[in-house]
Protein backbone atom coordinates (compact mmCIF):
# COMPACT_ATOMS: atom_id res chain seq x y z
CA UNK A 1 -0.15 -0.46 -0.05
CA UNK A 2 1.30 3.29 -1.21
CA UNK A 3 -0.23 6.56 0.49
CA UNK A 4 1.19 9.70 -0.63
CA UNK A 5 1.55 13.13 0.24
CA UNK A 6 1.44 16.07 -1.81
CA UNK A 7 -1.08 16.23 -4.56
CA UNK A 8 -2.30 20.15 -5.44
CA UNK A 9 -5.55 20.19 -7.11
CA UNK A 10 -7.29 22.70 -9.18
CA UNK A 11 -10.35 23.37 -11.17
CA UNK A 12 -9.99 22.86 -15.02
CA UNK A 13 -10.69 26.24 -15.26
CA UNK A 14 -7.24 27.12 -14.07
CA UNK A 15 -5.21 24.08 -14.78
CA UNK A 16 -6.04 21.28 -17.37
CA UNK A 17 -5.66 18.01 -16.13
CA UNK A 18 -5.10 18.80 -12.25
CA UNK A 19 -8.57 18.20 -10.64
CA UNK A 20 -9.62 15.03 -8.70
CA UNK A 21 -10.06 12.46 -11.78
CA UNK A 22 -6.71 13.40 -13.09
CA UNK A 23 -5.25 12.67 -10.09
CA UNK A 24 -6.94 9.57 -9.60
CA UNK A 25 -5.47 8.38 -12.90
CA UNK A 26 -2.43 9.72 -11.84
CA UNK A 27 -2.39 7.43 -9.25
CA UNK A 28 -3.49 4.17 -11.11
CA UNK A 29 -0.95 4.17 -13.69
CA UNK A 30 2.05 5.19 -11.03
CA UNK A 31 0.87 2.30 -8.70
CA UNK A 32 -0.07 4.46 -5.74
CA UNK A 33 -3.14 3.78 -3.91
CA UNK A 34 -4.18 6.80 -2.24
CA UNK A 35 -2.87 10.40 -1.55
CA UNK A 36 -3.36 13.23 0.09
CA UNK A 37 -4.71 16.23 -1.89
CA UNK A 38 -4.35 19.93 -1.44
CA UNK A 39 -6.51 22.88 -1.69
CA UNK A 40 -6.07 25.32 -4.16
CA UNK A 41 -4.40 28.34 -2.51
CA UNK A 42 -6.63 31.25 -1.97
CA UNK A 43 -5.06 33.74 -4.54
CA UNK A 44 -5.44 31.39 -7.99
CA UNK A 45 -9.42 30.92 -7.07
CA UNK A 46 -9.75 34.78 -6.38
CA UNK A 47 -8.18 35.34 -9.96
CA UNK A 48 -11.13 33.09 -11.31
CA UNK A 49 -13.72 34.55 -9.31
CA UNK A 50 -14.36 31.48 -7.19
CA UNK A 51 -17.13 32.42 -4.87
CA UNK A 52 -17.31 29.42 -3.04
CA UNK A 53 -13.61 29.50 -2.07
CA UNK A 54 -10.59 27.61 -2.43
CA UNK A 55 -11.42 25.11 0.52
CA UNK A 56 -14.94 24.57 -0.01
CA UNK A 57 -14.26 24.09 -3.72
CA UNK A 58 -12.05 21.11 -2.17
CA UNK A 59 -14.33 19.92 -0.10
CA UNK A 60 -17.06 19.50 -2.79
CA UNK A 61 -14.36 18.18 -5.43
CA UNK A 62 -13.39 15.25 -3.06
CA UNK A 63 -16.08 14.24 -0.66
CA UNK A 64 -16.64 10.98 -2.70
CA UNK A 65 -13.47 9.74 -3.19
CA UNK A 66 -12.05 7.62 -0.39
CA UNK A 67 -8.84 7.79 -1.77
CA UNK A 68 -8.45 11.55 -1.42
CA UNK A 69 -7.55 12.84 1.88
CA UNK A 70 -7.92 16.81 2.22
CA UNK A 71 -5.44 18.94 3.30
CA UNK A 72 -6.28 22.68 3.25
CA UNK A 73 -4.72 26.14 3.36
CA UNK A 74 -5.36 29.24 4.42
CA UNK A 75 -6.26 32.60 3.18
CA UNK A 76 -3.87 35.46 5.05
CA UNK A 77 -5.96 38.27 4.18
CA UNK A 78 -8.89 37.06 6.52
CA UNK A 79 -8.84 36.00 9.76
CA UNK A 80 -6.79 32.47 10.12
CA UNK A 81 -7.94 31.30 13.07
CA UNK A 82 -11.29 31.29 11.52
CA UNK A 83 -9.62 29.84 8.46
CA UNK A 84 -8.30 26.88 10.39
CA UNK A 85 -11.16 26.15 12.24
CA UNK A 86 -13.45 26.08 8.61
CA UNK A 87 -10.87 23.58 7.63
CA UNK A 88 -11.17 21.34 10.45
CA UNK A 89 -15.14 21.74 10.16
CA UNK A 90 -14.53 20.12 6.25
CA UNK A 91 -13.32 17.06 7.89
CA UNK A 92 -9.79 18.05 6.23
CA UNK A 93 -6.88 16.36 7.84
CA UNK A 94 -4.21 19.33 7.46
CA UNK A 95 -3.24 22.08 6.06
CA UNK A 96 -0.75 22.94 2.97
CA UNK A 97 1.44 26.20 3.78
CA UNK A 98 3.87 28.00 1.42
CA UNK A 99 5.45 30.90 2.94
CA UNK A 100 6.94 32.35 -0.19
CA UNK A 101 3.57 31.91 -3.02
CA UNK A 102 1.43 33.03 0.03
CA UNK A 103 4.19 35.75 1.30
CA UNK A 104 4.24 35.36 4.86
CA UNK A 105 6.91 34.90 7.40
CA UNK A 106 7.25 32.00 9.28
CA UNK A 107 7.80 33.04 12.23
CA UNK A 108 5.34 36.03 11.58
CA UNK A 109 2.33 36.60 14.06
CA UNK A 110 -0.04 35.52 12.08
CA UNK A 111 1.50 32.52 10.98
CA UNK A 112 1.89 31.75 14.48
CA UNK A 113 -1.77 32.15 15.43
CA UNK A 114 -2.49 29.31 12.32
CA UNK A 115 0.31 27.04 14.26
CA UNK A 116 -1.76 27.63 17.77
CA UNK A 117 -5.15 26.83 16.04
CA UNK A 118 -3.50 23.59 13.98
CA UNK A 119 -1.97 22.44 17.28
CA UNK A 120 -5.13 22.75 19.15
CA UNK A 121 -7.25 21.29 16.25
CA UNK A 122 -4.78 18.26 16.08
CA UNK A 123 -4.23 19.14 12.18
CA UNK A 124 -0.95 18.53 10.45
CA UNK A 125 0.57 21.11 8.57
CA UNK A 126 2.59 20.60 5.17
CA UNK A 127 5.18 23.52 4.25
CA UNK A 128 7.22 24.42 1.37
CA UNK A 129 10.91 24.49 2.44
CA UNK A 130 14.05 25.58 0.16
CA UNK A 131 13.85 28.64 -2.52
CA UNK A 132 11.05 29.50 -4.41
CA UNK A 133 12.03 33.13 -5.60
CA UNK A 134 11.13 35.25 -2.39
CA UNK A 135 12.77 36.87 0.29
CA UNK A 136 15.15 34.26 2.18
CA UNK A 137 14.78 36.38 5.21
CA UNK A 138 11.01 34.95 5.82
CA UNK A 139 11.74 31.41 4.54
CA UNK A 140 14.66 30.21 5.70
CA UNK A 141 14.80 26.94 6.88
CA UNK A 142 15.87 27.52 10.06
CA UNK A 143 12.88 28.98 11.49
CA UNK A 144 11.52 25.91 11.54
CA UNK A 145 13.09 25.49 14.88
CA UNK A 146 10.89 28.22 16.22
CA UNK A 147 7.93 26.67 15.07
CA UNK A 148 8.75 23.55 16.94
CA UNK A 149 9.60 25.09 19.96
CA UNK A 150 6.67 27.42 20.14
CA UNK A 151 4.31 24.90 19.48
CA UNK A 152 6.13 21.41 20.38
CA UNK A 153 2.99 19.33 19.79
CA UNK A 154 2.24 20.57 16.56
CA UNK A 155 2.81 17.62 13.89
CA UNK A 156 4.18 19.51 10.63
CA UNK A 157 6.40 18.51 7.67
CA UNK A 158 9.36 20.53 5.77
CA UNK A 159 8.23 19.24 2.25
CA UNK A 160 11.41 18.96 -0.25
CA UNK A 161 13.75 18.54 3.36
CA UNK A 162 14.69 22.32 2.03
CA UNK A 163 15.81 20.99 -0.93
CA UNK A 164 19.82 21.32 -2.39
CA UNK A 165 20.36 24.44 -0.71
CA UNK A 166 19.00 24.45 2.62
CA UNK A 167 19.06 20.46 3.44
CA UNK A 168 21.44 20.86 6.15
CA UNK A 169 19.12 23.37 7.34
CA UNK A 170 15.82 20.99 7.79
CA UNK A 171 18.06 18.14 9.02
CA UNK A 172 19.31 20.11 11.97
CA UNK A 173 15.33 21.22 12.63
CA UNK A 174 14.24 18.08 12.75
CA UNK A 175 17.06 16.39 14.91
CA UNK A 176 17.31 19.40 17.29
CA UNK A 177 13.23 18.72 17.29
CA UNK A 178 13.44 15.12 18.58
CA UNK A 179 14.54 13.31 21.45
CA UNK A 180 15.99 9.68 20.71
CA UNK A 181 13.95 9.64 17.54
CA UNK A 182 11.11 10.91 18.19
CA UNK A 183 9.31 14.22 17.99
CA UNK A 184 6.43 15.73 15.46
CA UNK A 185 8.78 17.48 12.78
CA UNK A 186 8.83 15.29 9.47
CA UNK A 187 10.92 15.08 6.63
CA UNK A 188 8.75 15.40 2.90
CA UNK A 189 10.13 13.25 0.50
CA UNK A 190 8.80 15.19 -2.34
CA UNK A 191 10.82 16.40 -5.68
CA UNK A 192 14.09 15.07 -4.31
CA UNK A 193 14.89 13.06 -7.01
CA UNK A 194 18.81 13.51 -8.80
CA UNK A 195 17.62 11.56 -11.40
CA UNK A 196 18.90 14.91 -13.68
CA UNK A 197 21.63 15.88 -12.19
CA UNK A 198 22.14 18.94 -9.08
CA UNK A 199 18.99 21.09 -9.66
CA UNK A 200 17.59 23.57 -6.69
CA UNK A 201 15.64 19.92 -5.15
CA UNK A 202 18.20 17.47 -5.32
CA UNK A 203 19.28 15.27 -2.91
CA UNK A 204 21.61 12.25 -2.65
CA UNK A 205 20.35 8.57 -1.55
CA UNK A 206 23.55 9.33 0.93
CA UNK A 207 21.39 12.37 2.09
CA UNK A 208 18.63 10.17 2.39
CA UNK A 209 19.64 7.78 4.09
CA UNK A 210 21.10 10.16 6.65
CA UNK A 211 17.88 11.31 7.64
CA UNK A 212 16.71 8.14 8.75
CA UNK A 213 19.94 7.46 10.69
CA UNK A 214 19.48 10.77 12.14
CA UNK A 215 15.74 10.98 13.18
CA UNK A 216 14.98 7.43 13.12
CA UNK A 217 12.45 5.43 10.85
CA UNK A 218 9.21 6.81 11.57
CA UNK A 219 9.72 10.62 10.23
CA UNK A 220 9.88 10.55 6.88
CA UNK A 221 7.00 10.85 4.68
CA UNK A 222 6.81 10.19 0.77
CA UNK A 223 5.23 13.12 -2.02
CA UNK A 224 4.66 12.79 -5.44
CA UNK A 225 3.79 17.18 -5.97
CA UNK A 226 1.07 16.32 -8.44
CA UNK A 227 1.07 17.90 -10.90
CA UNK A 228 3.89 18.98 -12.09
CA UNK A 229 5.97 15.95 -11.47
CA UNK A 230 5.57 13.32 -14.76
CA UNK A 231 4.65 9.86 -13.98
CA UNK A 232 7.77 8.47 -15.05
CA UNK A 233 9.16 10.61 -11.89
CA UNK A 234 7.35 9.59 -9.89
CA UNK A 235 7.66 5.61 -10.51
CA UNK A 236 11.56 6.38 -10.42
CA UNK A 237 11.12 7.87 -6.91
CA UNK A 238 9.29 5.02 -5.62
CA UNK A 239 11.54 2.54 -6.96
CA UNK A 240 14.80 4.62 -5.67
CA UNK A 241 13.10 4.40 -2.27
CA UNK A 242 12.99 0.53 -2.61
CA UNK A 243 16.87 0.64 -3.42
CA UNK A 244 17.89 2.70 -0.90
CA UNK A 245 20.28 0.97 2.06
CA UNK A 246 16.99 0.98 4.60
CA UNK A 247 15.08 -1.55 6.19
CA UNK A 248 11.86 -2.97 4.52
CA UNK A 249 9.94 -2.01 7.45
CA UNK A 250 11.42 1.46 7.00
CA UNK A 251 10.64 1.56 3.50
CA UNK A 252 6.81 0.76 3.84
CA UNK A 253 6.81 4.10 6.56
CA UNK A 254 8.16 6.23 4.40
CA UNK A 255 5.40 5.27 1.43
CA UNK A 256 2.63 5.39 3.52
CA UNK A 257 2.92 3.65 6.94
CA UNK A 258 3.61 7.08 8.41
CA UNK A 259 1.94 9.09 6.82
CA UNK A 260 -1.49 7.25 7.95
CA UNK A 261 -0.59 6.78 11.11
CA UNK A 262 0.31 10.80 11.45
CA UNK A 263 -3.27 11.76 10.01
CA UNK A 264 -4.64 8.80 12.19
CA UNK A 265 -6.67 7.08 9.70
């Protein structure tokens, strides 16, 4: 059973072949059983005047799809605490946040309100980490240490594990917020393939094995970054995980068991 994190969904009016039907086809063709589906970021739907809003759109899109688990996202132009409560009311299990695309500081006042409410409601947060052509001062990966220390029971993943440029900072945050392999900070193994050389997200096999060595077998989660990754690349990613020098039990955890456990499914 493969249960993957990190699939972005969009209405067809915004992006072709990125709705729930397209994702389910993608899962079938890559051998993945289930996936976490992210709501579109609010500014994308505002551009197309979707009156129902980003989280309600996702709710309606996947409410009858048992293979998809919803994550909402937050409109920082609104009351962020209310936004998080509505995400929980829709039955979603978590929140996707992208400091660069949404232009908020990781350690900013509004962001801290989001984390506080998410921690209270038991929602998991998946953060984008690494560069994304926005000021680094607001999104340095080391700032996630502030999230971990101020919200010690908040479970969150650092997607892309900091990427090529900030891998060591991401690993430092995970280790610093763990005790003997425990902790609530997770490595998001998403778009980290080195299949095409040293691009902005490429991590080596040695780096991935080091994540497990230093943080334990229960703190890594596989993601697919749909619809931005090719099917053949996702198949390669899965094969790569199975080739790593890790236990079979660890590989099963990375490919779905840890995500299932952390979301309480």
